[in-house]
């Protein structure tokens, strides 16, 4: 396990947020380091997502994300998911393909 050598701005479970990339109501994007796999990922937080909303969505995560993003989610592979807790917002992790998401590509309408 190798921690990211630069400043860690935010933590999302095991993921080390190193740069805030974009946000819109209900969604935030972070570039993060995965110290176990030693690679960058994108963490997508879903602030305000209630447990009840997650349970209603069930296995249909794509519909939940479409409702949050206002469009179909990107084709990036979802690697991990954490439900909301008392301490943190729900988030999911997608692969980082080296494409700069700072322009809001994942959030673009």
Foldseek 3Di string as FASTA:
>chain_A
DDADPDDFDDDDPQWGFDDWQDDDPQWTWTWTARRVVGDIKIKIFGPPDDPVNVVVCPPVVQVVVCVRLVHGFDPFDWDAWDPDDPVGTTITITGDPVPRCSVVPRNDD
